[in-house]
């Protein structure tokens, strides 16, 4: 087992990490973690202009560009958008990456979100982390099982509400006020999404929308923050030997608990 400290942020699509987790990931980088960003989907449906091959090429390039802002390694999507299913084939491929990287901290989507791709990405990551050490669960490509402790955190859903419009209040608030410009620069690298998000979701400025969402989370924090990212920690059973919270331990005063 490697002694390196690895943090893995996982989104359904290129730009999901930048919207919901990138500030926290940047702070983990400052704390000495090796950073990785992985998107299960390739972003092929995030366009009203480009054909399949061109948008996949563009979005992969944008993912690498965004990751480079914080010195992270970007892992490109495995399947098409809207084809992120909780199925055997995808789960074996996701498990392979978890075994390759051996992350200690995993940031991913909320179990309840506004779209199925996000929710299925969450389910895939939970199971991949859970079965990382099972020798008879064969990943694709085949990778040696790993037994490191994994601590998984679910980011607040996009818009801070679940699919039934219920407000989701985090249990952990990470102060990213000093990382908001870094987070914005990462999101800015997803150039193809400016027009698409305006047309499809009415986000006149996706950069401003991101700041507004983080501002709303900051307002929910017990002591109020200018900008925050919110998380809820997954149960430790099957993930780690002990019930710990390394995100709070590592980030210290950045974190407020509900």
C-alpha atoms as a PDB file:
ATOM      1  CA  UNK A   1       0.000   0.000   0.000  1.00  0.00           C
ATOM      2  CA  UNK A   2       1.353   3.401  -0.961  1.00  0.00           C
ATOM      3  CA  UNK A   3       2.074   6.085   1.645  1.00  0.00           C
ATOM      4  CA  UNK A   4       1.035   8.889  -0.686  1.00  0.00           C
ATOM      5  CA  UNK A   5      -2.046  10.910   0.165  1.00  0.00           C
ATOM      6  CA  UNK A   6      -4.503  10.985  -2.724  1.00  0.00           C
ATOM      7  CA  UNK A   7      -7.704  12.997  -3.079  1.00  0.00           C
ATOM      8  CA  UNK A   8     -10.101  12.056  -5.883  1.00  0.00           C
ATOM      9  CA  UNK A   9     -12.982  14.289  -6.991  1.00  0.00           C
ATOM     10  CA  UNK A  10     -15.563  12.531  -9.147  1.00  0.00           C
ATOM     11  CA  UNK A  11     -18.305  14.115 -11.221  1.00  0.00           C
ATOM     12  CA  UNK A  12     -20.747  12.817 -13.792  1.00  0.00           C
ATOM     13  CA  UNK A  13     -19.695  15.319 -16.460  1.00  0.00           C
ATOM     14  CA  UNK A  14     -16.792  17.645 -17.205  1.00  0.00           C
ATOM     15  CA  UNK A  15     -17.429  20.825 -15.104  1.00  0.00           C
ATOM     16  CA  UNK A  16     -19.423  19.085 -12.316  1.00  0.00           C
ATOM     17  CA  UNK A  17     -16.394  18.977 -10.026  1.00  0.00           C
ATOM     18  CA  UNK A  18     -15.694  22.644 -10.756  1.00  0.00           C
ATOM     19  CA  UNK A  19     -19.242  23.626  -9.775  1.00  0.00           C
ATOM     20  CA  UNK A  20     -19.401  21.709  -6.488  1.00  0.00           C
ATOM     21  CA  UNK A  21     -16.031  20.469  -5.181  1.00  0.00           C
ATOM     22  CA  UNK A  22     -13.078  22.273  -6.772  1.00  0.00           C
ATOM     23  CA  UNK A  23     -12.382  24.729  -3.957  1.00  0.00           C
ATOM     24  CA  UNK A  24     -12.099  21.921  -1.437  1.00  0.00           C
ATOM     25  CA  UNK A  25      -9.920  19.927  -3.827  1.00  0.00           C
ATOM     26  CA  UNK A  26      -7.596  22.910  -4.229  1.00  0.00           C
ATOM     27  CA  UNK A  27      -7.312  23.230  -0.438  1.00  0.00           C
ATOM     28  CA  UNK A  28      -6.423  19.539  -0.186  1.00  0.00           C
ATOM     29  CA  UNK A  29      -3.697  20.160  -2.739  1.00  0.00           C
ATOM     30  CA  UNK A  30      -2.304  22.897  -0.515  1.00  0.00           C
ATOM     31  CA  UNK A  31      -2.272  20.344   2.303  1.00  0.00           C
ATOM     32  CA  UNK A  32      -0.045  18.013   0.305  1.00  0.00           C
ATOM     33  CA  UNK A  33      -2.534  15.692  -1.357  1.00  0.00           C
ATOM     34  CA  UNK A  34      -2.000  14.343  -4.861  1.00  0.00           C
ATOM     35  CA  UNK A  35      -5.074  15.528  -6.770  1.00  0.00           C
ATOM     36  CA  UNK A  36      -7.177  13.671  -9.321  1.00  0.00           C
ATOM     37  CA  UNK A  37     -10.388  14.579 -11.142  1.00  0.00           C
ATOM     38  CA  UNK A  38     -12.481  11.891 -12.827  1.00  0.00           C
ATOM     39  CA  UNK A  39     -15.703  12.234 -14.804  1.00  0.00           C
ATOM     40  CA  UNK A  40     -17.726   9.104 -15.532  1.00  0.00           C
ATOM     41  CA  UNK A  41     -19.421  10.727 -18.541  1.00  0.00           C
ATOM     42  CA  UNK A  42     -17.599  12.206 -21.525  1.00  0.00           C
ATOM     43  CA  UNK A  43     -19.799  15.304 -21.849  1.00  0.00           C
ATOM     44  CA  UNK A  44     -21.119  14.416 -25.324  1.00  0.00           C
ATOM     45  CA  UNK A  45     -24.609  15.804 -24.672  1.00  0.00           C
ATOM     46  CA  UNK A  46     -23.438  19.195 -23.434  1.00  0.00           C
ATOM     47  CA  UNK A  47     -23.858  20.982 -26.743  1.00  0.00           C
ATOM     48  CA  UNK A  48     -26.389  22.362 -29.173  1.00  0.00           C
ATOM     49  CA  UNK A  49     -23.714  22.966 -31.820  1.00  0.00           C
ATOM     50  CA  UNK A  50     -21.061  20.250 -32.119  1.00  0.00           C
ATOM     51  CA  UNK A  51     -21.276  16.654 -33.287  1.00  0.00           C
ATOM     52  CA  UNK A  52     -20.383  13.740 -30.984  1.00  0.00           C
ATOM     53  CA  UNK A  53     -16.704  13.419 -31.816  1.00  0.00           C
ATOM     54  CA  UNK A  54     -15.995  17.133 -31.717  1.00  0.00           C
ATOM     55  CA  UNK A  55     -17.732  17.824 -28.398  1.00  0.00           C
ATOM     56  CA  UNK A  56     -16.023  14.815 -26.784  1.00  0.00           C
ATOM     57  CA  UNK A  57     -12.652  16.112 -27.957  1.00  0.00           C
ATOM     58  CA  UNK A  58     -13.414  19.628 -26.737  1.00  0.00           C
ATOM     59  CA  UNK A  59     -14.691  18.578 -23.347  1.00  0.00           C
ATOM     60  CA  UNK A  60     -11.780  16.242 -22.688  1.00  0.00           C
ATOM     61  CA  UNK A  61      -9.380  19.073 -23.498  1.00  0.00           C
ATOM     62  CA  UNK A  62     -11.338  21.420 -21.228  1.00  0.00           C
ATOM     63  CA  UNK A  63     -11.221  18.851 -18.410  1.00  0.00           C
ATOM     64  CA  UNK A  64      -7.452  18.583 -18.664  1.00  0.00           C
ATOM     65  CA  UNK A  65      -7.119  22.370 -18.805  1.00  0.00           C
ATOM     66  CA  UNK A  66      -9.280  22.864 -15.711  1.00  0.00           C
ATOM     67  CA  UNK A  67      -7.410  20.201 -13.733  1.00  0.00           C
ATOM     68  CA  UNK A  68      -4.089  21.806 -14.600  1.00  0.00           C
ATOM     69  CA  UNK A  69      -5.086  24.965 -12.704  1.00  0.00           C
ATOM     70  CA  UNK A  70      -4.604  23.093  -9.410  1.00  0.00           C
ATOM     71  CA  UNK A  71      -2.019  20.595 -10.633  1.00  0.00           C
ATOM     72  CA  UNK A  72      -4.528  17.733 -10.749  1.00  0.00           C
ATOM     73  CA  UNK A  73      -4.556  14.769 -13.118  1.00  0.00           C
ATOM     74  CA  UNK A  74      -7.717  14.505 -15.193  1.00  0.00           C
ATOM     75  CA  UNK A  75      -9.217  11.097 -16.021  1.00  0.00           C
ATOM     76  CA  UNK A  76     -11.509  11.235 -19.050  1.00  0.00           C
ATOM     77  CA  UNK A  77     -15.057   9.932 -19.198  1.00  0.00           C
ATOM     78  CA  UNK A  78     -15.886   6.278 -19.730  1.00  0.00           C
ATOM     79  CA  UNK A  79     -19.385   6.485 -21.206  1.00  0.00           C
ATOM     80  CA  UNK A  80     -21.710   8.916 -22.963  1.00  0.00           C
ATOM     81  CA  UNK A  81     -23.873  11.336 -21.004  1.00  0.00           C
ATOM     82  CA  UNK A  82     -27.321   9.932 -20.094  1.00  0.00           C
ATOM     83  CA  UNK A  83     -25.708   6.479 -20.368  1.00  0.00           C
ATOM     84  CA  UNK A  84     -24.224   6.608 -16.875  1.00  0.00           C
ATOM     85  CA  UNK A  85     -25.944   3.554 -15.489  1.00  0.00           C
ATOM     86  CA  UNK A  86     -25.378   1.607 -12.303  1.00  0.00           C
ATOM     87  CA  UNK A  87     -24.411  -1.521 -14.197  1.00  0.00           C
ATOM     88  CA  UNK A  88     -21.766  -4.226 -14.043  1.00  0.00           C
ATOM     89  CA  UNK A  89     -19.653  -3.027 -16.972  1.00  0.00           C
ATOM     90  CA  UNK A  90     -19.340   0.561 -15.745  1.00  0.00           C
ATOM     91  CA  UNK A  91     -18.819  -0.483 -12.137  1.00  0.00           C
ATOM     92  CA  UNK A  92     -15.887  -2.739 -13.076  1.00  0.00           C
ATOM     93  CA  UNK A  93     -14.250   0.148 -14.950  1.00  0.00           C
ATOM     94  CA  UNK A  94     -14.768   2.611 -12.101  1.00  0.00           C
ATOM     95  CA  UNK A  95     -13.393   0.064  -9.616  1.00  0.00           C
ATOM     96  CA  UNK A  96     -10.223  -0.224 -11.703  1.00  0.00           C
ATOM     97  CA  UNK A  97      -9.543   3.496 -11.298  1.00  0.00           C
ATOM     98  CA  UNK A  98     -10.167   3.395  -7.548  1.00  0.00           C
ATOM     99  CA  UNK A  99      -7.677   0.548  -7.242  1.00  0.00           C
ATOM    100  CA  UNK A 100      -5.120   2.324  -9.419  1.00  0.00           C
ATOM    101  CA  UNK A 101      -5.252   5.598  -7.498  1.00  0.00           C
ATOM    102  CA  UNK A 102      -5.822   4.275  -3.950  1.00  0.00           C
ATOM    103  CA  UNK A 103      -7.502   7.492  -2.763  1.00  0.00           C
ATOM    104  CA  UNK A 104      -7.876   8.304   0.906  1.00  0.00           C
ATOM    105  CA  UNK A 105     -10.423  11.084   0.347  1.00  0.00           C
ATOM    106  CA  UNK A 106     -13.124  10.815  -2.318  1.00  0.00           C
ATOM    107  CA  UNK A 107     -15.451  13.703  -3.145  1.00  0.00           C
ATOM    108  CA  UNK A 108     -18.471  12.928  -5.301  1.00  0.00           C
ATOM    109  CA  UNK A 109     -22.108  13.783  -5.969  1.00  0.00           C
ATOM    110  CA  UNK A 110     -25.021  13.732  -3.561  1.00  0.00           C
ATOM    111  CA  UNK A 111     -27.164  10.569  -3.467  1.00  0.00           C
ATOM    112  CA  UNK A 112     -30.129  12.832  -4.203  1.00  0.00           C
ATOM    113  CA  UNK A 113     -29.569  15.296  -7.024  1.00  0.00           C
ATOM    114  CA  UNK A 114     -31.483  16.903  -9.853  1.00  0.00           C
ATOM    115  CA  UNK A 115     -30.482  14.379 -12.525  1.00  0.00           C
ATOM    116  CA  UNK A 116     -29.884  10.646 -12.808  1.00  0.00           C
ATOM    117  CA  UNK A 117     -26.322  10.932 -14.152  1.00  0.00           C
ATOM    118  CA  UNK A 118     -25.265  12.586 -10.900  1.00  0.00           C
ATOM    119  CA  UNK A 119     -27.075  10.064  -8.738  1.00  0.00           C
ATOM    120  CA  UNK A 120     -25.735   7.067 -10.650  1.00  0.00           C
ATOM    121  CA  UNK A 121     -22.202   8.446 -10.474  1.00  0.00           C
ATOM    122  CA  UNK A 122     -22.627   8.636  -6.718  1.00  0.00           C
ATOM    123  CA  UNK A 123     -23.833   5.017  -6.548  1.00  0.00           C
ATOM    124  CA  UNK A 124     -20.967   3.801  -8.741  1.00  0.00           C
ATOM    125  CA  UNK A 125     -18.371   5.524  -6.560  1.00  0.00           C
ATOM    126  CA  UNK A 126     -19.841   4.233  -3.308  1.00  0.00           C
ATOM    127  CA  UNK A 127     -19.778   0.638  -4.547  1.00  0.00           C
ATOM    128  CA  UNK A 128     -16.369   0.930  -6.225  1.00  0.00           C
ATOM    129  CA  UNK A 129     -14.861   2.165  -2.964  1.00  0.00           C
ATOM    130  CA  UNK A 130     -16.698  -0.508  -0.993  1.00  0.00           C
ATOM    131  CA  UNK A 131     -15.442  -3.395  -3.147  1.00  0.00           C
ATOM    132  CA  UNK A 132     -11.904  -2.098  -3.761  1.00  0.00           C
ATOM    133  CA  UNK A 133     -10.445  -4.954  -1.671  1.00  0.00           C
ATOM    134  CA  UNK A 134     -12.651  -7.831  -2.880  1.00  0.00           C
ATOM    135  CA  UNK A 135     -10.374 -10.256  -4.734  1.00  0.00           C
ATOM    136  CA  UNK A 136     -13.262 -11.967  -6.517  1.00  0.00           C
ATOM    137  CA  UNK A 137     -14.665  -8.691  -7.831  1.00  0.00           C
ATOM    138  CA  UNK A 138     -12.607  -8.341 -10.995  1.00  0.00           C
ATOM    139  CA  UNK A 139     -12.160  -4.824 -12.281  1.00  0.00           C
ATOM    140  CA  UNK A 140     -11.816  -3.911 -15.958  1.00  0.00           C
ATOM    141  CA  UNK A 141      -8.981  -3.634 -16.643  1.00  0.00           C
ATOM    142  CA  UNK A 142      -7.939  -6.089 -13.945  1.00  0.00           C
ATOM    143  CA  UNK A 143      -6.215  -4.389 -11.029  1.00  0.00           C
ATOM    144  CA  UNK A 144      -4.899  -5.762  -7.746  1.00  0.00           C
ATOM    145  CA  UNK A 145      -7.366  -5.194  -4.876  1.00  0.00           C
ATOM    146  CA  UNK A 146      -6.389  -2.489  -2.401  1.00  0.00           C
ATOM    147  CA  UNK A 147      -7.107  -2.142   1.296  1.00  0.00           C
ATOM    148  CA  UNK A 148      -6.462   1.490   2.140  1.00  0.00           C
ATOM    149  CA  UNK A 149      -9.010   3.346   4.248  1.00  0.00           C
ATOM    150  CA  UNK A 150     -11.335   5.427   2.085  1.00  0.00           C
ATOM    151  CA  UNK A 151     -13.351   8.371   3.362  1.00  0.00           C
ATOM    152  CA  UNK A 152     -16.131   9.409   1.010  1.00  0.00           C
ATOM    153  CA  UNK A 153     -17.880  12.774   1.060  1.00  0.00           C
ATOM    154  CA  UNK A 154     -21.010  13.746  -0.859  1.00  0.00           C
ATOM    155  CA  UNK A 155     -21.030  17.311  -2.189  1.00  0.00           C
ATOM    156  CA  UNK A 156     -24.173  19.366  -1.979  1.00  0.00           C
ATOM    157  CA  UNK A 157     -26.368  18.868  -5.061  1.00  0.00           C
ATOM    158  CA  UNK A 158     -26.314  21.446  -7.809  1.00  0.00           C
ATOM    159  CA  UNK A 159     -28.614  24.264  -6.717  1.00  0.00           C
ATOM    160  CA  UNK A 160     -28.522  23.003  -3.102  1.00  0.00           C
ATOM    161  CA  UNK A 161     -31.815  21.147  -3.512  1.00  0.00           C
ATOM    162  CA  UNK A 162     -32.695  17.538  -4.263  1.00  0.00           C
ATOM    163  CA  UNK A 163     -34.865  16.487  -7.183  1.00  0.00           C
ATOM    164  CA  UNK A 164     -38.022  17.127  -5.144  1.00  0.00           C
ATOM    165  CA  UNK A 165     -37.028  20.755  -4.443  1.00  0.00           C
ATOM    166  CA  UNK A 166     -36.080  20.062  -0.814  1.00  0.00           C
ATOM    167  CA  UNK A 167     -33.218  22.125   0.575  1.00  0.00           C
ATOM    168  CA  UNK A 168     -30.136  20.018   1.320  1.00  0.00           C
ATOM    169  CA  UNK A 169     -28.179  21.328   4.302  1.00  0.00           C
ATOM    170  CA  UNK A 170     -24.592  20.039   4.534  1.00  0.00           C
ATOM    171  CA  UNK A 171     -23.092  18.674   7.720  1.00  0.00           C
ATOM    172  CA  UNK A 172     -19.641  20.009   6.765  1.00  0.00           C
ATOM    173  CA  UNK A 173     -18.995  23.492   5.399  1.00  0.00           C
ATOM    174  CA  UNK A 174     -15.606  24.094   3.795  1.00  0.00           C
ATOM    175  CA  UNK A 175     -14.566  27.737   3.625  1.00  0.00           C
ATOM    176  CA  UNK A 176     -13.395  28.352   0.055  1.00  0.00           C
ATOM    177  CA  UNK A 177     -13.547  32.148   0.165  1.00  0.00           C
ATOM    178  CA  UNK A 178      -9.841  32.328  -0.691  1.00  0.00           C
ATOM    179  CA  UNK A 179     -10.267  29.671  -3.401  1.00  0.00           C
ATOM    180  CA  UNK A 180     -13.269  31.099  -5.217  1.00  0.00           C
ATOM    181  CA  UNK A 181     -11.108  32.730  -7.897  1.00  0.00           C
ATOM    182  CA  UNK A 182      -9.242  29.458  -8.447  1.00  0.00           C
ATOM    183  CA  UNK A 183     -12.551  27.610  -8.652  1.00  0.00           C
ATOM    184  CA  UNK A 184     -13.829  30.171 -11.151  1.00  0.00           C
ATOM    185  CA  UNK A 185     -10.705  29.867 -13.273  1.00  0.00           C
ATOM    186  CA  UNK A 186     -11.152  26.105 -13.396  1.00  0.00           C
ATOM    187  CA  UNK A 187     -14.778  26.473 -14.455  1.00  0.00           C
ATOM    188  CA  UNK A 188     -13.836  29.142 -16.984  1.00  0.00           C
ATOM    189  CA  UNK A 189     -11.716  26.549 -18.811  1.00  0.00           C
ATOM    190  CA  UNK A 190     -14.950  24.761 -19.786  1.00  0.00           C
ATOM    191  CA  UNK A 191     -15.522  27.245 -22.592  1.00  0.00           C
ATOM    192  CA  UNK A 192     -18.000  25.091 -24.520  1.00  0.00           C
ATOM    193  CA  UNK A 193     -20.418  25.146 -21.603  1.00  0.00           C
ATOM    194  CA  UNK A 194     -21.079  28.883 -21.501  1.00  0.00           C
ATOM    195  CA  UNK A 195     -23.471  28.816 -24.457  1.00  0.00           C
ATOM    196  CA  UNK A 196     -24.880  25.384 -23.663  1.00  0.00           C
ATOM    197  CA  UNK A 197     -25.816  26.180 -20.049  1.00  0.00           C
ATOM    198  CA  UNK A 198     -27.368  29.455 -21.117  1.00  0.00           C
ATOM    199  CA  UNK A 199     -29.546  27.695 -23.701  1.00  0.00           C
ATOM    200  CA  UNK A 200     -30.402  24.545 -21.747  1.00  0.00           C
ATOM    201  CA  UNK A 201     -30.712  25.768 -18.157  1.00  0.00           C
ATOM    202  CA  UNK A 202     -31.026  29.527 -18.350  1.00  0.00           C
ATOM    203  CA  UNK A 203     -27.668  30.199 -16.691  1.00  0.00           C
ATOM    204  CA  UNK A 204     -26.928  33.616 -18.135  1.00  0.00           C
ATOM    205  CA  UNK A 205     -23.484  33.401 -16.603  1.00  0.00           C
ATOM    206  CA  UNK A 206     -22.362  29.990 -15.397  1.00  0.00           C
ATOM    207  CA  UNK A 207     -19.514  31.587 -13.493  1.00  0.00           C
ATOM    208  CA  UNK A 208     -21.896  33.849 -11.596  1.00  0.00           C
ATOM    209  CA  UNK A 209     -24.241  30.913 -10.962  1.00  0.00           C
ATOM    210  CA  UNK A 210     -21.388  28.990  -9.361  1.00  0.00           C
ATOM    211  CA  UNK A 211     -20.570  31.918  -7.073  1.00  0.00           C
ATOM    212  CA  UNK A 212     -24.230  32.284  -6.098  1.00  0.00           C
ATOM    213  CA  UNK A 213     -24.515  28.607  -5.176  1.00  0.00           C
ATOM    214  CA  UNK A 214     -21.351  28.767  -3.056  1.00  0.00           C
ATOM    215  CA  UNK A 215     -22.605  31.965  -1.469  1.00  0.00           C
ATOM    216  CA  UNK A 216     -25.852  30.226  -0.491  1.00  0.00           C
ATOM    217  CA  UNK A 217     -23.893  27.414   1.164  1.00  0.00           C
ATOM    218  CA  UNK A 218     -21.790  29.991   2.981  1.00  0.00           C
ATOM    219  CA  UNK A 219     -24.952  31.582   4.364  1.00  0.00           C
ATOM    220  CA  UNK A 220     -26.034  28.195   5.750  1.00  0.00           C
ATOM    221  CA  UNK A 221     -22.775  27.760   7.673  1.00  0.00           C
ATOM    222  CA  UNK A 222     -23.113  28.143  11.459  1.00  0.00           C
ATOM    223  CA  UNK A 223     -20.823  31.171  11.537  1.00  0.00           C
ATOM    224  CA  UNK A 224     -21.460  32.447   8.045  1.00  0.00           C
ATOM    225  CA  UNK A 225     -18.956  32.374   5.202  1.00  0.00           C
ATOM    226  CA  UNK A 226     -18.545  34.408   2.042  1.00  0.00           C
ATOM    227  CA  UNK A 227     -18.219  31.246  -0.077  1.00  0.00           C
ATOM    228  CA  UNK A 228     -18.365  27.608   0.938  1.00  0.00           C
ATOM    229  CA  UNK A 229     -18.727  24.105  -0.433  1.00  0.00           C
ATOM    230  CA  UNK A 230     -20.918  21.708   1.505  1.00  0.00           C
ATOM    231  CA  UNK A 231     -20.522  17.986   2.142  1.00  0.00           C
ATOM    232  CA  UNK A 232     -22.094  15.088   3.977  1.00  0.00           C
ATOM    233  CA  UNK A 233     -19.829  12.190   4.935  1.00  0.00           C
ATOM    234  CA  UNK A 234     -20.705   8.634   3.928  1.00  0.00           C
ATOM    235  CA  UNK A 235     -20.837   5.955   6.628  1.00  0.00           C
ATOM    236  CA  UNK A 236     -17.453   4.383   7.337  1.00  0.00           C
ATOM    237  CA  UNK A 237     -18.598   0.736   7.384  1.00  0.00           C
ATOM    238  CA  UNK A 238     -16.916  -1.129   4.531  1.00  0.00           C
ATOM    239  CA  UNK A 239     -14.806   1.936   3.769  1.00  0.00           C
ATOM    240  CA  UNK A 240     -12.402   2.279   6.681  1.00  0.00           C
ATOM    241  CA  UNK A 241     -11.337   0.528   9.862  1.00  0.00           C
ATOM    242  CA  UNK A 242     -12.260   3.489  12.014  1.00  0.00           C
ATOM    243  CA  UNK A 243     -14.822   6.245  11.876  1.00  0.00           C
ATOM    244  CA  UNK A 244     -12.670   9.270  11.090  1.00  0.00           C
ATOM    245  CA  UNK A 245     -13.122  12.570   9.287  1.00  0.00           C
ATOM    246  CA  UNK A 246      -9.828  13.361   7.528  1.00  0.00           C
ATOM    247  CA  UNK A 247     -11.348  16.207   5.527  1.00  0.00           C
ATOM    248  CA  UNK A 248     -11.983  18.135   8.736  1.00  0.00           C
ATOM    249  CA  UNK A 249      -8.699  17.016  10.296  1.00  0.00           C
ATOM    250  CA  UNK A 250      -6.638  18.109   7.295  1.00  0.00           C
ATOM    251  CA  UNK A 251      -8.434  21.370   6.524  1.00  0.00           C
ATOM    252  CA  UNK A 252      -8.779  22.392  10.154  1.00  0.00           C
ATOM    253  CA  UNK A 253     -10.240  25.868  10.644  1.00  0.00           C
ATOM    254  CA  UNK A 254     -11.599  25.895   7.084  1.00  0.00           C
ATOM    255  CA  UNK A 255     -14.302  23.450   8.158  1.00  0.00           C
ATOM    256  CA  UNK A 256     -17.423  24.235  10.132  1.00  0.00           C
ATOM    257  CA  UNK A 257     -19.748  21.454  11.294  1.00  0.00           C
ATOM    258  CA  UNK A 258     -23.516  21.676  11.516  1.00  0.00           C
END
